[in-house]
PDB file of all heavy atoms in Angstrom:
ATOM      1  N   ARG A   1      -6.782  -5.381   6.562  1.00  0.00           N
ATOM      2  CA  ARG A   1      -6.575  -5.098   5.154  1.00  0.00           C
ATOM      3  C   ARG A   1      -5.872  -3.765   4.985  1.00  0.00           C
ATOM      4  O   ARG A   1      -5.620  -3.039   5.954  1.00  0.00           O
ATOM      5  CB  ARG A   1      -7.914  -5.046   4.418  1.00  0.00           C
ATOM      6  CG  ARG A   1      -8.801  -3.882   4.888  1.00  0.00           C
ATOM      7  CD  ARG A   1     -10.072  -3.762   4.089  1.00  0.00           C
ATOM      8  NE  ARG A   1     -10.876  -2.628   4.547  1.00  0.00           N
ATOM      9  CZ  ARG A   1     -11.984  -2.216   3.949  1.00  0.00           C
ATOM     10  NH1 ARG A   1     -12.433  -2.849   2.881  1.00  0.00           N
ATOM     11  NH2 ARG A   1     -12.648  -1.178   4.423  1.00  0.00           N
ATOM     12  N   GLY A   2      -5.560  -3.421   3.760  1.00  0.00           N
ATOM     13  CA  GLY A   2      -4.978  -2.144   3.407  1.00  0.00           C
ATOM     14  C   GLY A   2      -5.104  -1.968   1.906  1.00  0.00           C
ATOM     15  O   GLY A   2      -5.532  -2.882   1.199  1.00  0.00           O
ATOM     16  N   ALA A   3      -4.733  -0.792   1.407  1.00  0.00           N
ATOM     17  CA  ALA A   3      -4.880  -0.542  -0.022  1.00  0.00           C
ATOM     18  C   ALA A   3      -3.815   0.415  -0.527  1.00  0.00           C
ATOM     19  O   ALA A   3      -3.359   1.305   0.195  1.00  0.00           O
ATOM     20  CB  ALA A   3      -6.267   0.017  -0.330  1.00  0.00           C
ATOM     21  N   VAL A   4      -3.431   0.194  -1.783  1.00  0.00           N
ATOM     22  CA  VAL A   4      -2.597   1.126  -2.535  1.00  0.00           C
ATOM     23  C   VAL A   4      -3.514   1.830  -3.522  1.00  0.00           C
ATOM     24  O   VAL A   4      -4.307   1.175  -4.212  1.00  0.00           O
ATOM     25  CB  VAL A   4      -1.488   0.397  -3.311  1.00  0.00           C
ATOM     26  CG1 VAL A   4      -0.562   1.403  -3.981  1.00  0.00           C
ATOM     27  CG2 VAL A   4      -0.719  -0.545  -2.420  1.00  0.00           C
ATOM     28  N   ILE A   5      -3.408   3.138  -3.602  1.00  0.00           N
ATOM     29  CA  ILE A   5      -4.230   3.913  -4.528  1.00  0.00           C
ATOM     30  C   ILE A   5      -3.313   4.533  -5.570  1.00  0.00           C
ATOM     31  O   ILE A   5      -2.504   5.417  -5.263  1.00  0.00           O
ATOM     32  CB  ILE A   5      -5.013   5.015  -3.798  1.00  0.00           C
ATOM     33  CG1 ILE A   5      -5.785   4.422  -2.618  1.00  0.00           C
ATOM     34  CG2 ILE A   5      -5.961   5.726  -4.761  1.00  0.00           C
ATOM     35  CD1 ILE A   5      -6.355   5.466  -1.677  1.00  0.00           C
ATOM     36  N   PHE A   6      -3.417   4.053  -6.806  1.00  0.00           N
ATOM     37  CA  PHE A   6      -2.631   4.603  -7.902  1.00  0.00           C
ATOM     38  C   PHE A   6      -3.400   5.787  -8.490  1.00  0.00           C
ATOM     39  O   PHE A   6      -4.570   5.667  -8.855  1.00  0.00           O
ATOM     40  CB  PHE A   6      -2.373   3.556  -8.973  1.00  0.00           C
ATOM     41  CG  PHE A   6      -1.522   2.412  -8.506  1.00  0.00           C
ATOM     42  CD1 PHE A   6      -2.090   1.191  -8.189  1.00  0.00           C
ATOM     43  CD2 PHE A   6      -0.154   2.568  -8.363  1.00  0.00           C
ATOM     44  CE1 PHE A   6      -1.307   0.135  -7.747  1.00  0.00           C
ATOM     45  CE2 PHE A   6       0.644   1.518  -7.921  1.00  0.00           C
ATOM     46  CZ  PHE A   6       0.062   0.295  -7.611  1.00  0.00           C
ATOM     47  N   ALA A   7      -2.724   6.939  -8.579  1.00  0.00           N
ATOM     48  CA  ALA A   7      -3.363   8.167  -9.033  1.00  0.00           C
ATOM     49  C   ALA A   7      -3.049   8.430 -10.504  1.00  0.00           C
ATOM     50  O   ALA A   7      -2.091   7.889 -11.069  1.00  0.00           O
ATOM     51  CB  ALA A   7      -2.916   9.351  -8.181  1.00  0.00           C
ATOM     52  N   ALA A   8      -3.855   9.308 -11.111  1.00  0.00           N
ATOM     53  CA  ALA A   8      -3.723   9.585 -12.536  1.00  0.00           C
ATOM     54  C   ALA A   8      -2.395  10.226 -12.891  1.00  0.00           C
ATOM     55  O   ALA A   8      -1.903  10.071 -14.012  1.00  0.00           O
ATOM     56  CB  ALA A   8      -4.873  10.489 -12.982  1.00  0.00           C
ATOM     57  N   GLU A   9      -1.789  10.958 -11.941  1.00  0.00           N
ATOM     58  CA  GLU A   9      -0.510  11.608 -12.243  1.00  0.00           C
ATOM     59  C   GLU A   9       0.682  10.685 -12.034  1.00  0.00           C
ATOM     60  O   GLU A   9       1.831  11.090 -12.227  1.00  0.00           O
ATOM     61  CB  GLU A   9      -0.343  12.876 -11.407  1.00  0.00           C
ATOM     62  CG  GLU A   9      -0.067  12.644  -9.931  1.00  0.00           C
ATOM     63  CD  GLU A   9      -1.316  12.473  -9.101  1.00  0.00           C
ATOM     64  OE1 GLU A   9      -2.406  12.355  -9.700  1.00  0.00           O
ATOM     65  OE2 GLU A   9      -1.211  12.465  -7.858  1.00  0.00           O
ATOM     66  N   GLY A  10       0.435   9.428 -11.628  1.00  0.00           N
ATOM     67  CA  GLY A  10       1.511   8.447 -11.521  1.00  0.00           C
ATOM     68  C   GLY A  10       1.960   8.143 -10.111  1.00  0.00           C
ATOM     69  O   GLY A  10       2.741   7.212  -9.911  1.00  0.00           O
ATOM     70  N   SER A  11       1.499   8.887  -9.126  1.00  0.00           N
ATOM     71  CA  SER A  11       1.919   8.637  -7.751  1.00  0.00           C
ATOM     72  C   SER A  11       1.070   7.535  -7.122  1.00  0.00           C
ATOM     73  O   SER A  11       0.102   7.041  -7.723  1.00  0.00           O
ATOM     74  CB  SER A  11       1.803   9.916  -6.919  1.00  0.00           C
ATOM     75  OG  SER A  11       0.449  10.321  -6.822  1.00  0.00           O
ATOM     76  N   ALA A  12       1.442   7.151  -5.908  1.00  0.00           N
ATOM     77  CA  ALA A  12       0.669   6.163  -5.155  1.00  0.00           C
ATOM     78  C   ALA A  12       0.544   6.643  -3.723  1.00  0.00           C
ATOM     79  O   ALA A  12       1.444   7.308  -3.201  1.00  0.00           O
ATOM     80  CB  ALA A  12       1.354   4.798  -5.201  1.00  0.00           C
ATOM     81  N   ARG A  13      -0.564   6.325  -3.103  1.00  0.00           N
ATOM     82  CA  ARG A  13      -0.704   6.585  -1.676  1.00  0.00           C
ATOM     83  C   ARG A  13      -1.269   5.333  -1.019  1.00  0.00           C
ATOM     84  O   ARG A  13      -1.768   4.437  -1.703  1.00  0.00           O
ATOM     85  CB  ARG A  13      -1.583   7.811  -1.405  1.00  0.00           C
ATOM     86  CG  ARG A  13      -3.021   7.725  -1.838  1.00  0.00           C
ATOM     87  CD  ARG A  13      -3.700   9.082  -1.637  1.00  0.00           C
ATOM     88  NE  ARG A  13      -5.154   9.025  -1.762  1.00  0.00           N
ATOM     89  CZ  ARG A  13      -5.811   9.108  -2.900  1.00  0.00           C
ATOM     90  NH1 ARG A  13      -5.144   9.238  -4.042  1.00  0.00           N
ATOM     91  NH2 ARG A  13      -7.140   9.061  -2.915  1.00  0.00           N
ATOM     92  N   PHE A  14      -1.202   5.285   0.298  1.00  0.00           N
ATOM     93  CA  PHE A  14      -1.509   4.061   1.017  1.00  0.00           C
ATOM     94  C   PHE A  14      -2.505   4.358   2.136  1.00  0.00           C
ATOM     95  O   PHE A  14      -2.409   5.385   2.804  1.00  0.00           O
ATOM     96  CB  PHE A  14      -0.226   3.465   1.610  1.00  0.00           C
ATOM     97  CG  PHE A  14       0.870   3.287   0.603  1.00  0.00           C
ATOM     98  CD1 PHE A  14       1.781   4.308   0.357  1.00  0.00           C
ATOM     99  CD2 PHE A  14       0.990   2.113  -0.112  1.00  0.00           C
ATOM    100  CE1 PHE A  14       2.797   4.157  -0.579  1.00  0.00           C
ATOM    101  CE2 PHE A  14       2.000   1.941  -1.052  1.00  0.00           C
ATOM    102  CZ  PHE A  14       2.907   2.968  -1.285  1.00  0.00           C
ATOM    103  N   VAL A  15      -3.464   3.452   2.323  1.00  0.00           N
ATOM    104  CA  VAL A  15      -4.425   3.587   3.410  1.00  0.00           C
ATOM    105  C   VAL A  15      -4.512   2.253   4.150  1.00  0.00           C
ATOM    106  O   VAL A  15      -4.263   1.187   3.575  1.00  0.00           O
ATOM    107  CB  VAL A  15      -5.823   3.999   2.907  1.00  0.00           C
ATOM    108  CG1 VAL A  15      -5.784   5.378   2.270  1.00  0.00           C
ATOM    109  CG2 VAL A  15      -6.395   2.970   1.942  1.00  0.00           C
ATOM    110  N   ASP A  16      -4.870   2.329   5.433  1.00  0.00           N
ATOM    111  CA  ASP A  16      -5.018   1.108   6.218  1.00  0.00           C
ATOM    112  C   ASP A  16      -6.441   0.572   6.088  1.00  0.00           C
ATOM    113  O   ASP A  16      -7.222   1.016   5.229  1.00  0.00           O
ATOM    114  CB  ASP A  16      -4.621   1.361   7.678  1.00  0.00           C
ATOM    115  CG  ASP A  16      -5.526   2.384   8.377  1.00  0.00           C
ATOM    116  OD1 ASP A  16      -6.615   2.707   7.842  1.00  0.00           O
ATOM    117  OD2 ASP A  16      -5.155   2.857   9.466  1.00  0.00           O
ATOM    118  N   GLY A  17      -6.806  -0.344   6.969  1.00  0.00           N
ATOM    119  CA  GLY A  17      -8.104  -0.980   6.860  1.00  0.00           C
ATOM    120  C   GLY A  17      -9.283  -0.048   7.026  1.00  0.00           C
ATOM    121  O   GLY A  17     -10.363  -0.284   6.478  1.00  0.00           O
ATOM    122  N   SER A  18      -9.103   1.041   7.774  1.00  0.00           N
ATOM    123  CA  SER A  18     -10.190   1.990   8.005  1.00  0.00           C
ATOM    124  C   SER A  18     -10.245   3.089   6.958  1.00  0.00           C
ATOM    125  O   SER A  18     -11.177   3.898   6.948  1.00  0.00           O
ATOM    126  CB  SER A  18     -10.043   2.626   9.390  1.00  0.00           C
ATOM    127  OG  SER A  18      -8.883   3.457   9.438  1.00  0.00           O
ATOM    128  N   GLY A  19      -9.226   3.156   6.100  1.00  0.00           N
ATOM    129  CA  GLY A  19      -9.157   4.215   5.106  1.00  0.00           C
ATOM    130  C   GLY A  19      -8.267   5.370   5.512  1.00  0.00           C
ATOM    131  O   GLY A  19      -8.128   6.337   4.757  1.00  0.00           O
ATOM    132  N   ALA A  20      -7.656   5.289   6.691  1.00  0.00           N
ATOM    133  CA  ALA A  20      -6.735   6.341   7.134  1.00  0.00           C
ATOM    134  C   ALA A  20      -5.416   6.246   6.378  1.00  0.00           C
ATOM    135  O   ALA A  20      -4.926   5.145   6.093  1.00  0.00           O
ATOM    136  CB  ALA A  20      -6.484   6.223   8.636  1.00  0.00           C
ATOM    137  N   GLY A  21      -4.834   7.393   6.057  1.00  0.00           N
ATOM    138  CA  GLY A  21      -3.579   7.405   5.334  1.00  0.00           C
ATOM    139  C   GLY A  21      -2.434   6.804   6.131  1.00  0.00           C
ATOM    140  O   GLY A  21      -2.358   6.980   7.347  1.00  0.00           O
ATOM    141  N   VAL A  22      -1.546   6.099   5.435  1.00  0.00           N
ATOM    142  CA  VAL A  22      -0.372   5.491   6.066  1.00  0.00           C
ATOM    143  C   VAL A  22       0.864   6.223   5.550  1.00  0.00           C
ATOM    144  O   VAL A  22       1.109   6.252   4.344  1.00  0.00           O
ATOM    145  CB  VAL A  22      -0.275   3.993   5.738  1.00  0.00           C
ATOM    146  CG1 VAL A  22       0.950   3.376   6.394  1.00  0.00           C
ATOM    147  CG2 VAL A  22      -1.541   3.267   6.178  1.00  0.00           C
ATOM    148  N   PRO A  23       1.661   6.849   6.440  1.00  0.00           N
ATOM    149  CA  PRO A  23       2.833   7.598   5.985  1.00  0.00           C
ATOM    150  C   PRO A  23       3.942   6.668   5.503  1.00  0.00           C
ATOM    151  O   PRO A  23       3.901   5.455   5.720  1.00  0.00           O
ATOM    152  CB  PRO A  23       3.258   8.365   7.235  1.00  0.00           C
ATOM    153  CG  PRO A  23       2.769   7.520   8.375  1.00  0.00           C
ATOM    154  CD  PRO A  23       1.488   6.898   7.902  1.00  0.00           C
ATOM    155  N   GLY A  24       4.928   7.274   4.872  1.00  0.00           N
ATOM    156  CA  GLY A  24       6.081   6.517   4.387  1.00  0.00           C
ATOM    157  C   GLY A  24       6.294   6.727   2.909  1.00  0.00           C
ATOM    158  O   GLY A  24       5.328   6.820   2.143  1.00  0.00           O
ATOM    159  N   SER A  25       7.567   6.812   2.499  1.00  0.00           N
ATOM    160  CA  SER A  25       7.893   7.051   1.093  1.00  0.00           C
ATOM    161  C   SER A  25       7.756   5.797   0.247  1.00  0.00           C
ATOM    162  O   SER A  25       7.699   5.878  -0.981  1.00  0.00           O
ATOM    163  CB  SER A  25       9.325   7.587   0.971  1.00  0.00           C
ATOM    164  OG  SER A  25      10.254   6.655   1.502  1.00  0.00           O
ATOM    165  N   ALA A  26       7.701   4.619   0.885  1.00  0.00           N
ATOM    166  CA  ALA A  26       7.549   3.360   0.159  1.00  0.00           C
ATOM    167  C   ALA A  26       6.977   2.308   1.091  1.00  0.00           C
ATOM    168  O   ALA A  26       7.140   2.378   2.313  1.00  0.00           O
ATOM    169  CB  ALA A  26       8.889   2.893  -0.397  1.00  0.00           C
ATOM    170  N   HIS A  27       6.309   1.332   0.501  1.00  0.00           N
ATOM    171  CA  HIS A  27       5.747   0.213   1.255  1.00  0.00           C
ATOM    172  C   HIS A  27       5.950  -1.067   0.454  1.00  0.00           C
ATOM    173  O   HIS A  27       6.462  -1.048  -0.665  1.00  0.00           O
ATOM    174  CB  HIS A  27       4.275   0.454   1.574  1.00  0.00           C
ATOM    175  CG  HIS A  27       4.058   1.449   2.668  1.00  0.00           C
ATOM    176  ND1 HIS A  27       4.085   1.091   4.004  1.00  0.00           N
ATOM    177  CD2 HIS A  27       3.843   2.785   2.637  1.00  0.00           C
ATOM    178  CE1 HIS A  27       3.877   2.163   4.749  1.00  0.00           C
ATOM    179  NE2 HIS A  27       3.736   3.212   3.942  1.00  0.00           N
ATOM    180  N   PHE A  28       5.528  -2.201   1.052  1.00  0.00           N
ATOM    181  CA  PHE A  28       5.755  -3.469   0.364  1.00  0.00           C
ATOM    182  C   PHE A  28       4.674  -4.485   0.698  1.00  0.00           C
ATOM    183  O   PHE A  28       3.948  -4.376   1.684  1.00  0.00           O
ATOM    184  CB  PHE A  28       7.130  -4.056   0.735  1.00  0.00           C
ATOM    185  CG  PHE A  28       7.261  -4.432   2.192  1.00  0.00           C
ATOM    186  CD1 PHE A  28       6.783  -5.645   2.673  1.00  0.00           C
ATOM    187  CD2 PHE A  28       7.866  -3.567   3.100  1.00  0.00           C
ATOM    188  CE1 PHE A  28       6.899  -5.992   4.011  1.00  0.00           C
ATOM    189  CE2 PHE A  28       7.984  -3.894   4.440  1.00  0.00           C
ATOM    190  CZ  PHE A  28       7.501  -5.119   4.894  1.00  0.00           C
ATOM    191  N   LEU A  29       4.601  -5.494  -0.176  1.00  0.00           N
ATOM    192  CA  LEU A  29       3.836  -6.711   0.048  1.00  0.00           C
ATOM    193  C   LEU A  29       4.810  -7.869  -0.031  1.00  0.00           C
ATOM    194  O   LEU A  29       5.636  -7.930  -0.954  1.00  0.00           O
ATOM    195  CB  LEU A  29       2.751  -6.879  -1.020  1.00  0.00           C
ATOM    196  CG  LEU A  29       1.543  -5.947  -0.927  1.00  0.00           C
ATOM    197  CD1 LEU A  29       0.754  -5.977  -2.233  1.00  0.00           C
ATOM    198  CD2 LEU A  29       0.665  -6.358   0.234  1.00  0.00           C
ATOM    199  N   ALA A  30       4.750  -8.787   0.926  1.00  0.00           N
ATOM    200  CA  ALA A  30       5.694  -9.902   0.974  1.00  0.00           C
ATOM    201  C   ALA A  30       4.988 -11.218   0.682  1.00  0.00           C
ATOM    202  O   ALA A  30       3.954 -11.529   1.281  1.00  0.00           O
ATOM    203  CB  ALA A  30       6.362  -9.969   2.345  1.00  0.00           C
ATOM    204  N   LEU A  31       5.548 -11.980  -0.248  1.00  0.00           N
ATOM    205  CA  LEU A  31       5.023 -13.287  -0.613  1.00  0.00           C
ATOM    206  C   LEU A  31       6.084 -14.343  -0.343  1.00  0.00           C
ATOM    207  O   LEU A  31       7.264 -14.159  -0.673  1.00  0.00           O
ATOM    208  CB  LEU A  31       4.663 -13.327  -2.102  1.00  0.00           C
ATOM    209  CG  LEU A  31       3.364 -12.666  -2.542  1.00  0.00           C
ATOM    210  CD1 LEU A  31       3.357 -12.530  -4.056  1.00  0.00           C
ATOM    211  CD2 LEU A  31       2.172 -13.474  -2.088  1.00  0.00           C
ATOM    212  N   ARG A  32       5.674 -15.444   0.243  1.00  0.00           N
ATOM    213  CA  ARG A  32       6.600 -16.548   0.426  1.00  0.00           C
ATOM    214  C   ARG A  32       5.849 -17.854   0.240  1.00  0.00           C
ATOM    215  O   ARG A  32       4.626 -17.890   0.182  1.00  0.00           O
ATOM    216  CB  ARG A  32       7.250 -16.503   1.807  1.00  0.00           C
ATOM    217  CG  ARG A  32       6.289 -16.616   2.968  1.00  0.00           C
ATOM    218  CD  ARG A  32       7.027 -16.664   4.287  1.00  0.00           C
ATOM    219  NE  ARG A  32       7.925 -17.807   4.356  1.00  0.00           N
ATOM    220  CZ  ARG A  32       8.717 -18.056   5.389  1.00  0.00           C
ATOM    221  NH1 ARG A  32       8.749 -17.232   6.413  1.00  0.00           N
ATOM    222  NH2 ARG A  32       9.485 -19.116   5.395  1.00  0.00           N
ATOM    223  N   THR A  33       6.593 -18.930   0.128  1.00  0.00           N
ATOM    224  CA  THR A  33       6.011 -20.246  -0.062  1.00  0.00           C
ATOM    225  C   THR A  33       6.605 -21.216   0.939  1.00  0.00           C
ATOM    226  O   THR A  33       7.621 -20.928   1.584  1.00  0.00           O
ATOM    227  CB  THR A  33       6.294 -20.770  -1.487  1.00  0.00           C
ATOM    228  OG1 THR A  33       7.712 -20.880  -1.668  1.00  0.00           O
ATOM    229  CG2 THR A  33       5.733 -19.831  -2.534  1.00  0.00           C
ATOM    230  N   THR A  34       5.962 -22.354   1.062  1.00  0.00           N
ATOM    231  CA  THR A  34       6.520 -23.400   1.902  1.00  0.00           C
ATOM    232  C   THR A  34       7.651 -24.098   1.160  1.00  0.00           C
ATOM    233  O   THR A  34       7.715 -24.071  -0.062  1.00  0.00           O
ATOM    234  CB  THR A  34       5.436 -24.429   2.260  1.00  0.00           C
ATOM    235  OG1 THR A  34       4.868 -24.938   1.046  1.00  0.00           O
ATOM    236  CG2 THR A  34       4.343 -23.785   3.084  1.00  0.00           C
ATOM    237  N   GLY A  35       8.540 -24.728   1.901  1.00  0.00           N
ATOM    238  CA  GLY A  35       9.638 -25.447   1.272  1.00  0.00           C
ATOM    239  C   GLY A  35      10.763 -24.527   0.842  1.00  0.00           C
ATOM    240  O   GLY A  35      10.870 -23.381   1.288  1.00  0.00           O
TER     241      GLY A  35
END
């Protein structure tokens, strides 16, 4: 698992399954379908 944390000042930060911070200026979630 992982999580995006939206902060009150408008920024976002990212953590992995254990809660450790994940570096990077941007991340993504990918959705696809069959067919």
